[in-house]
Each structure stands twice: as C-alpha cells, then as structure tokens.
PDB file of N, CA and C in Angstrom:
ATOM      1  N   MET A   1     -11.983  -8.464 -11.176  1.00  0.00           N
ATOM      2  CA  MET A   1     -10.804  -8.835 -10.430  1.00  0.00           C
ATOM      3  C   MET A   1     -11.234  -9.188  -9.016  1.00  0.00           C
ATOM      4  N   ILE A   2     -10.676 -10.249  -8.491  1.00  0.00           N
ATOM      5  CA  ILE A   2     -10.897 -10.624  -7.100  1.00  0.00           C
ATOM      6  C   ILE A   2      -9.532 -10.693  -6.418  1.00  0.00           C
ATOM      7  N   VAL A   3      -9.363  -9.899  -5.377  1.00  0.00           N
ATOM      8  CA  VAL A   3      -8.135  -9.893  -4.592  1.00  0.00           C
ATOM      9  C   VAL A   3      -8.414 -10.655  -3.304  1.00  0.00           C
ATOM     10  N   MET A   4      -7.605 -11.670  -3.060  1.00  0.00           N
ATOM     11  CA  MET A   4      -7.817 -12.534  -1.896  1.00  0.00           C
ATOM     12  C   MET A   4      -6.754 -12.265  -0.844  1.00  0.00           C
ATOM     13  N   THR A   5      -7.198 -12.132   0.412  1.00  0.00           N
ATOM     14  CA  THR A   5      -6.305 -11.860   1.534  1.00  0.00           C
ATOM     15  C   THR A   5      -6.334 -13.045   2.493  1.00  0.00           C
ATOM     16  N   SER A   6      -5.162 -13.490   2.914  1.00  0.00           N
ATOM     17  CA  SER A   6      -5.114 -14.634   3.833  1.00  0.00           C
ATOM     18  C   SER A   6      -5.760 -14.275   5.167  1.00  0.00           C
ATOM     19  N   GLY A   7      -6.403 -15.254   5.753  1.00  0.00           N
ATOM     20  CA  GLY A   7      -7.076 -15.047   7.024  1.00  0.00           C
ATOM     21  C   GLY A   7      -6.211 -15.348   8.232  1.00  0.00           C
ATOM     22  N   LYS A   8      -5.080 -16.006   8.004  1.00  0.00           N
ATOM     23  CA  LYS A   8      -4.168 -16.306   9.107  1.00  0.00           C
ATOM     24  C   LYS A   8      -3.007 -15.321   9.061  1.00  0.00           C
ATOM     25  N   ASN A   9      -2.718 -14.769  10.191  1.00  0.00           N
ATOM     26  CA  ASN A   9      -1.608 -13.838  10.302  1.00  0.00           C
ATOM     27  C   ASN A   9      -0.633 -14.417  11.311  1.00  0.00           C
ATOM     28  N   PHE A  10       0.618 -14.549  10.909  1.00  0.00           N
ATOM     29  CA  PHE A  10       1.604 -15.171  11.776  1.00  0.00           C
ATOM     30  C   PHE A  10       2.498 -14.155  12.482  1.00  0.00           C
ATOM     31  N   GLU A  11       2.055 -12.898  12.485  1.00  0.00           N
ATOM     32  CA  GLU A  11       2.795 -11.854  13.195  1.00  0.00           C
ATOM     33  C   GLU A  11       2.701 -12.084  14.700  1.00  0.00           C
ATOM     34  N   ARG A  12       3.586 -11.427  15.427  1.00  0.00           N
ATOM     35  CA  ARG A  12       3.477 -11.446  16.890  1.00  0.00           C
ATOM     36  C   ARG A  12       2.125 -10.866  17.277  1.00  0.00           C
ATOM     37  N   ALA A  13       1.584 -11.322  18.360  1.00  0.00           N
ATOM     38  CA  ALA A  13       0.247 -10.913  18.803  1.00  0.00           C
ATOM     39  C   ALA A  13       0.116  -9.403  18.913  1.00  0.00           C
ATOM     40  N   ASP A  14       1.175  -8.710  19.362  1.00  0.00           N
ATOM     41  CA  ASP A  14       1.079  -7.264  19.545  1.00  0.00           C
ATOM     42  C   ASP A  14       1.059  -6.498  18.218  1.00  0.00           C
ATOM     43  N   ARG A  15       1.399  -7.136  17.120  1.00  0.00           N
ATOM     44  CA  ARG A  15       1.397  -6.481  15.800  1.00  0.00           C
ATOM     45  C   ARG A  15       0.305  -7.013  14.883  1.00  0.00           C
ATOM     46  N   ARG A  16      -0.343  -8.088  15.274  1.00  0.00           N
ATOM     47  CA  ARG A  16      -1.256  -8.820  14.391  1.00  0.00           C
ATOM     48  C   ARG A  16      -2.386  -7.952  13.844  1.00  0.00           C
ATOM     49  N   ALA A  17      -3.141  -7.288  14.695  1.00  0.00           N
ATOM     50  CA  ALA A  17      -4.295  -6.500  14.247  1.00  0.00           C
ATOM     51  C   ALA A  17      -3.859  -5.373  13.313  1.00  0.00           C
ATOM     52  N   GLU A  18      -2.753  -4.727  13.649  1.00  0.00           N
ATOM     53  CA  GLU A  18      -2.249  -3.636  12.818  1.00  0.00           C
ATOM     54  C   GLU A  18      -1.852  -4.137  11.426  1.00  0.00           C
ATOM     55  N   ARG A  19      -1.128  -5.233  11.370  1.00  0.00           N
ATOM     56  CA  ARG A  19      -0.690  -5.786  10.081  1.00  0.00           C
ATOM     57  C   ARG A  19      -1.870  -6.285   9.255  1.00  0.00           C
ATOM     58  N   GLU A  20      -2.841  -6.920   9.912  1.00  0.00           N
ATOM     59  CA  GLU A  20      -4.024  -7.382   9.179  1.00  0.00           C
ATOM     60  C   GLU A  20      -4.752  -6.204   8.548  1.00  0.00           C
ATOM     61  N   ALA A  21      -4.891  -5.127   9.289  1.00  0.00           N
ATOM     62  CA  ALA A  21      -5.558  -3.934   8.766  1.00  0.00           C
ATOM     63  C   ALA A  21      -4.773  -3.338   7.597  1.00  0.00           C
ATOM     64  N   GLU A  22      -3.452  -3.323   7.696  1.00  0.00           N
ATOM     65  CA  GLU A  22      -2.615  -2.796   6.611  1.00  0.00           C
ATOM     66  C   GLU A  22      -2.775  -3.627   5.344  1.00  0.00           C
ATOM     67  N   TRP A  23      -2.689  -4.954   5.479  1.00  0.00           N
ATOM     68  CA  TRP A  23      -2.826  -5.837   4.318  1.00  0.00           C
ATOM     69  C   TRP A  23      -4.200  -5.688   3.680  1.00  0.00           C
ATOM     70  N   LYS A  24      -5.246  -5.711   4.506  1.00  0.00           N
ATOM     71  CA  LYS A  24      -6.609  -5.624   3.986  1.00  0.00           C
ATOM     72  C   LYS A  24      -6.820  -4.288   3.279  1.00  0.00           C
ATOM     73  N   ALA A  25      -6.337  -3.205   3.855  1.00  0.00           N
ATOM     74  CA  ALA A  25      -6.486  -1.880   3.238  1.00  0.00           C
ATOM     75  C   ALA A  25      -5.773  -1.832   1.886  1.00  0.00           C
ATOM     76  N   GLY A  26      -4.581  -2.397   1.818  1.00  0.00           N
ATOM     77  CA  GLY A  26      -3.848  -2.426   0.550  1.00  0.00           C
ATOM     78  C   GLY A  26      -4.575  -3.253  -0.501  1.00  0.00           C
ATOM     79  N   HIS A  27      -5.115  -4.367  -0.093  1.00  0.00           N
ATOM     80  CA  HIS A  27      -5.855  -5.220  -1.026  1.00  0.00           C
ATOM     81  C   HIS A  27      -7.157  -4.561  -1.452  1.00  0.00           C
ATOM     82  N   ASP A  28      -7.792  -3.830  -0.535  1.00  0.00           N
ATOM     83  CA  ASP A  28      -9.004  -3.085  -0.898  1.00  0.00           C
ATOM     84  C   ASP A  28      -8.684  -2.023  -1.960  1.00  0.00           C
ATOM     85  N   ARG A  29      -7.551  -1.335  -1.780  1.00  0.00           N
ATOM     86  CA  ARG A  29      -7.147  -0.313  -2.772  1.00  0.00           C
ATOM     87  C   ARG A  29      -6.865  -0.955  -4.131  1.00  0.00           C
ATOM     88  N   LEU A  30      -6.221  -2.100  -4.126  1.00  0.00           N
ATOM     89  CA  LEU A  30      -5.932  -2.800  -5.378  1.00  0.00           C
ATOM     90  C   LEU A  30      -7.232  -3.200  -6.076  1.00  0.00           C
ATOM     91  N   ALA A  31      -8.155  -3.783  -5.351  1.00  0.00           N
ATOM     92  CA  ALA A  31      -9.438  -4.196  -5.942  1.00  0.00           C
ATOM     93  C   ALA A  31     -10.211  -2.990  -6.461  1.00  0.00           C
ATOM     94  N   ALA A  32     -10.088  -1.856  -5.801  1.00  0.00           N
ATOM     95  CA  ALA A  32     -10.813  -0.653  -6.204  1.00  0.00           C
ATOM     96  C   ALA A  32     -10.304  -0.080  -7.532  1.00  0.00           C
ATOM     97  N   ARG A  33      -9.178  -0.548  -8.003  1.00  0.00           N
ATOM     98  CA  ARG A  33      -8.664  -0.084  -9.301  1.00  0.00           C
ATOM     99  C   ARG A  33      -9.505  -0.608 -10.452  1.00  0.00           C
ATOM    100  N   SER A  34     -10.292  -1.634 -10.178  1.00  0.00           N
ATOM    101  CA  SER A  34     -11.204  -2.179 -11.177  1.00  0.00           C
ATOM    102  C   SER A  34     -12.622  -1.737 -10.817  1.00  0.00           C
ATOM    103  N   THR A  35     -13.406  -1.407 -11.823  1.00  0.00           N
ATOM    104  CA  THR A  35     -14.787  -1.003 -11.554  1.00  0.00           C
ATOM    105  C   THR A  35     -15.605  -2.152 -10.990  1.00  0.00           C
ATOM    106  N   ARG A  36     -15.154  -3.374 -11.199  1.00  0.00           N
ATOM    107  CA  ARG A  36     -15.869  -4.545 -10.680  1.00  0.00           C
ATOM    108  C   ARG A  36     -14.997  -5.356  -9.732  1.00  0.00           C
ATOM    109  N   GLY A  37     -13.989  -4.721  -9.156  1.00  0.00           N
ATOM    110  CA  GLY A  37     -13.071  -5.412  -8.260  1.00  0.00           C
ATOM    111  C   GLY A  37     -13.696  -5.748  -6.921  1.00  0.00           C
ATOM    112  N   VAL A  38     -13.244  -6.863  -6.371  1.00  0.00           N
ATOM    113  CA  VAL A  38     -13.719  -7.340  -5.075  1.00  0.00           C
ATOM    114  C   VAL A  38     -12.500  -7.721  -4.241  1.00  0.00           C
ATOM    115  N   SER A  39     -12.526  -7.344  -2.989  1.00  0.00           N
ATOM    116  CA  SER A  39     -11.487  -7.753  -2.052  1.00  0.00           C
ATOM    117  C   SER A  39     -12.140  -8.667  -1.027  1.00  0.00           C
ATOM    118  N   MET A  40     -11.542  -9.848  -0.837  1.00  0.00           N
ATOM    119  CA  MET A  40     -12.149 -10.782   0.100  1.00  0.00           C
ATOM    120  C   MET A  40     -11.110 -11.429   1.005  1.00  0.00           C
ATOM    121  N   MET A  41     -11.493 -11.634   2.252  1.00  0.00           N
ATOM    122  CA  MET A  41     -10.662 -12.333   3.226  1.00  0.00           C
ATOM    123  C   MET A  41     -10.965 -13.822   3.112  1.00  0.00           C
ATOM    124  N   VAL A  42      -9.929 -14.643   3.131  1.00  0.00           N
ATOM    125  CA  VAL A  42     -10.095 -16.099   3.048  1.00  0.00           C
ATOM    126  C   VAL A  42      -9.677 -16.700   4.390  1.00  0.00           C
ATOM    127  N   PRO A  43     -10.679 -17.043   5.226  1.00  0.00           N
ATOM    128  CA  PRO A  43     -10.361 -17.602   6.542  1.00  0.00           C
ATOM    129  C   PRO A  43      -9.568 -18.906   6.424  1.00  0.00           C
ATOM    130  N   GLU A  44      -8.818 -19.185   7.426  1.00  0.00           N
ATOM    131  CA  GLU A  44      -8.054 -20.440   7.510  1.00  0.00           C
ATOM    132  C   GLU A  44      -7.071 -20.624   6.369  1.00  0.00           C
ATOM    133  N   SER A  45      -6.522 -19.519   5.866  1.00  0.00           N
ATOM    134  CA  SER A  45      -5.493 -19.620   4.829  1.00  0.00           C
ATOM    135  C   SER A  45      -4.303 -18.771   5.227  1.00  0.00           C
ATOM    136  N   GLY A  46      -3.137 -19.265   4.872  1.00  0.00           N
ATOM    137  CA  GLY A  46      -1.924 -18.495   5.059  1.00  0.00           C
ATOM    138  C   GLY A  46      -1.595 -17.784   3.755  1.00  0.00           C
ATOM    139  N   HIS A  47      -0.322 -17.487   3.549  1.00  0.00           N
ATOM    140  CA  HIS A  47       0.105 -16.751   2.356  1.00  0.00           C
ATOM    141  C   HIS A  47      -0.232 -17.503   1.069  1.00  0.00           C
ATOM    142  N   TYR A  48      -0.136 -18.807   1.105  1.00  0.00           N
ATOM    143  CA  TYR A  48      -0.397 -19.610  -0.085  1.00  0.00           C
ATOM    144  C   TYR A  48      -1.848 -20.087  -0.082  1.00  0.00           C
ATOM    145  N   ILE A  49      -2.737 -19.168  -0.398  1.00  0.00           N
ATOM    146  CA  ILE A  49      -4.167 -19.460  -0.367  1.00  0.00           C
ATOM    147  C   ILE A  49      -4.494 -20.635  -1.276  1.00  0.00           C
ATOM    148  N   GLU A  50      -3.824 -20.726  -2.407  1.00  0.00           N
ATOM    149  CA  GLU A  50      -4.100 -21.807  -3.361  1.00  0.00           C
ATOM    150  C   GLU A  50      -3.794 -23.188  -2.780  1.00  0.00           C
ATOM    151  N   LEU A  51      -2.913 -23.254  -1.794  1.00  0.00           N
ATOM    152  CA  LEU A  51      -2.608 -24.527  -1.142  1.00  0.00           C
ATOM    153  C   LEU A  51      -3.507 -24.771   0.074  1.00  0.00           C
ATOM    154  N   ASP A  52      -3.757 -23.707   0.836  1.00  0.00           N
ATOM    155  CA  ASP A  52      -4.544 -23.840   2.066  1.00  0.00           C
ATOM    156  C   ASP A  52      -6.048 -23.934   1.813  1.00  0.00           C
ATOM    157  N   GLN A  53      -6.531 -23.185   0.841  1.00  0.00           N
ATOM    158  CA  GLN A  53      -7.969 -23.142   0.551  1.00  0.00           C
ATOM    159  C   GLN A  53      -8.194 -23.173  -0.963  1.00  0.00           C
ATOM    160  N   PRO A  54      -7.821 -24.264  -1.635  1.00  0.00           N
ATOM    161  CA  PRO A  54      -7.927 -24.308  -3.096  1.00  0.00           C
ATOM    162  C   PRO A  54      -9.349 -24.091  -3.605  1.00  0.00           C
ATOM    163  N   ASP A  55     -10.354 -24.529  -2.858  1.00  0.00           N
ATOM    164  CA  ASP A  55     -11.736 -24.339  -3.315  1.00  0.00           C
ATOM    165  C   ASP A  55     -12.107 -22.860  -3.382  1.00  0.00           C
ATOM    166  N   ALA A  56     -11.548 -22.050  -2.488  1.00  0.00           N
ATOM    167  CA  ALA A  56     -11.820 -20.610  -2.520  1.00  0.00           C
ATOM    168  C   ALA A  56     -11.231 -19.986  -3.785  1.00  0.00           C
ATOM    169  N   VAL A  57     -10.037 -20.431  -4.162  1.00  0.00           N
ATOM    170  CA  VAL A  57      -9.398 -19.912  -5.374  1.00  0.00           C
ATOM    171  C   VAL A  57     -10.170 -20.363  -6.615  1.00  0.00           C
ATOM    172  N   ILE A  58     -10.553 -21.623  -6.650  1.00  0.00           N
ATOM    173  CA  ILE A  58     -11.330 -22.135  -7.782  1.00  0.00           C
ATOM    174  C   ILE A  58     -12.641 -21.372  -7.913  1.00  0.00           C
ATOM    175  N   SER A  59     -13.307 -21.142  -6.805  1.00  0.00           N
ATOM    176  CA  SER A  59     -14.568 -20.398  -6.818  1.00  0.00           C
ATOM    177  C   SER A  59     -14.372 -18.977  -7.343  1.00  0.00           C
ATOM    178  N   ALA A  60     -13.297 -18.323  -6.930  1.00  0.00           N
ATOM    179  CA  ALA A  60     -13.018 -16.961  -7.397  1.00  0.00           C
ATOM    180  C   ALA A  60     -12.767 -16.948  -8.908  1.00  0.00           C
ATOM    181  N   ILE A  61     -12.002 -17.909  -9.401  1.00  0.00           N
ATOM    182  CA  ILE A  61     -11.735 -17.997 -10.839  1.00  0.00           C
ATOM    183  C   ILE A  61     -13.022 -18.236 -11.605  1.00  0.00           C
ATOM    184  N   GLU A  62     -13.843 -19.151 -11.116  1.00  0.00           N
ATOM    185  CA  GLU A  62     -15.117 -19.430 -11.777  1.00  0.00           C
ATOM    186  C   GLU A  62     -16.016 -18.192 -11.790  1.00  0.00           C
ATOM    187  N   THR A  63     -16.016 -17.428 -10.714  1.00  0.00           N
ATOM    188  CA  THR A  63     -16.817 -16.202 -10.648  1.00  0.00           C
ATOM    189  C   THR A  63     -16.365 -15.198 -11.698  1.00  0.00           C
ATOM    190  N   VAL A  64     -15.068 -14.987 -11.797  1.00  0.00           N
ATOM    191  CA  VAL A  64     -14.543 -14.032 -12.786  1.00  0.00           C
ATOM    192  C   VAL A  64     -14.868 -14.503 -14.198  1.00  0.00           C
ATOM    193  N   LEU A  65     -14.646 -15.771 -14.483  1.00  0.00           N
ATOM    194  CA  LEU A  65     -14.950 -16.297 -15.821  1.00  0.00           C
ATOM    195  C   LEU A  65     -16.426 -16.150 -16.167  1.00  0.00           C
ATOM    196  N   ARG A  66     -17.293 -16.464 -15.213  1.00  0.00           N
ATOM    197  CA  ARG A  66     -18.734 -16.352 -15.441  1.00  0.00           C
ATOM    198  C   ARG A  66     -19.121 -14.896 -15.732  1.00  0.00           C
ATOM    199  N   GLU A  67     -18.583 -13.969 -14.962  1.00  0.00           N
ATOM    200  CA  GLU A  67     -18.915 -12.556 -15.165  1.00  0.00           C
ATOM    201  C   GLU A  67     -18.412 -12.042 -16.509  1.00  0.00           C
ATOM    202  N   VAL A  68     -17.228 -12.488 -16.918  1.00  0.00           N
ATOM    203  CA  VAL A  68     -16.689 -12.083 -18.218  1.00  0.00           C
ATOM    204  C   VAL A  68     -17.557 -12.630 -19.338  1.00  0.00           C
ATOM    205  N   ARG A  69     -17.930 -13.880 -19.235  1.00  0.00           N
ATOM    206  CA  ARG A  69     -18.775 -14.486 -20.264  1.00  0.00           C
ATOM    207  C   ARG A  69     -20.135 -13.794 -20.343  1.00  0.00           C
ATOM    208  N   GLU A  70     -20.729 -13.509 -19.185  1.00  0.00           N
ATOM    209  CA  GLU A  70     -22.053 -12.880 -19.162  1.00  0.00           C
ATOM    210  C   GLU A  70     -22.010 -11.452 -19.686  1.00  0.00           C
ATOM    211  N   SER A  71     -20.874 -10.794 -19.551  1.00  0.00           N
ATOM    212  CA  SER A  71     -20.777  -9.416 -20.041  1.00  0.00           C
ATOM    213  C   SER A  71     -20.472  -9.359 -21.535  1.00  0.00           C
ATOM    214  N   GLY A  72     -20.158 -10.511 -22.131  1.00  0.00           N
ATOM    215  CA  GLY A  72     -19.846 -10.549 -23.553  1.00  0.00           C
ATOM    216  C   GLY A  72     -18.419 -10.171 -23.875  1.00  0.00           C
ATOM    217  N   GLN A  73     -17.603  -9.912 -22.864  1.00  0.00           N
ATOM    218  CA  GLN A  73     -16.206  -9.501 -23.088  1.00  0.00           C
ATOM    219  C   GLN A  73     -15.301 -10.697 -23.335  1.00  0.00           C
ATOM    220  N   GLY A  74     -15.793 -11.895 -23.083  1.00  0.00           N
ATOM    221  CA  GLY A  74     -14.962 -13.077 -23.239  1.00  0.00           C
ATOM    222  C   GLY A  74     -14.987 -13.648 -24.646  1.00  0.00           C
ATOM    223  N   ARG A  75     -15.473 -12.886 -25.621  1.00  0.00           N
ATOM    224  CA  ARG A  75     -15.553 -13.381 -26.995  1.00  0.00           C
ATOM    225  C   ARG A  75     -14.423 -12.903 -27.841  1.00  0.00           C
TER     226      ARG A  75
END
C-alpha cells in the first residue's frame, strides 16, 4: 500500500505547519497498517494528486503492481 499526501497546504499560514503534521501523521498510521505500507509526500500537489501530479500516482501504482507480481501474490 502506498499512501500519498499532498505537498501543498492551503491553510492559513498560522495553522499550516500544524495541519501538515496532522495529515502526515494520520497517513503514516494508515500506511503502517500494512506490513509493506509506505507513506509519501507528493510535492507540488493539492488534494487531487491524480490531477496535479499524475506521474506520481502512475509510479505508485506501477510500484505496487511490480511488488505484488514479484511476491507471487498476483497469480
């Protein structure tokens, strides 16, 4: 599992660092539910990572598919 976190935060400046830390921590906990989970920040993306950084999403999907195939679980 790969959990992707947007790199752009549109909160007010006085709340930005706190909210970024909250989101990242939550995404880290979600990724940790999988023994092979990864949490990653995607710079220059807003909430819709698939629109802002489609190559990052494609790369993440390809990584998961490759790992599943190599582990033999994709059969």
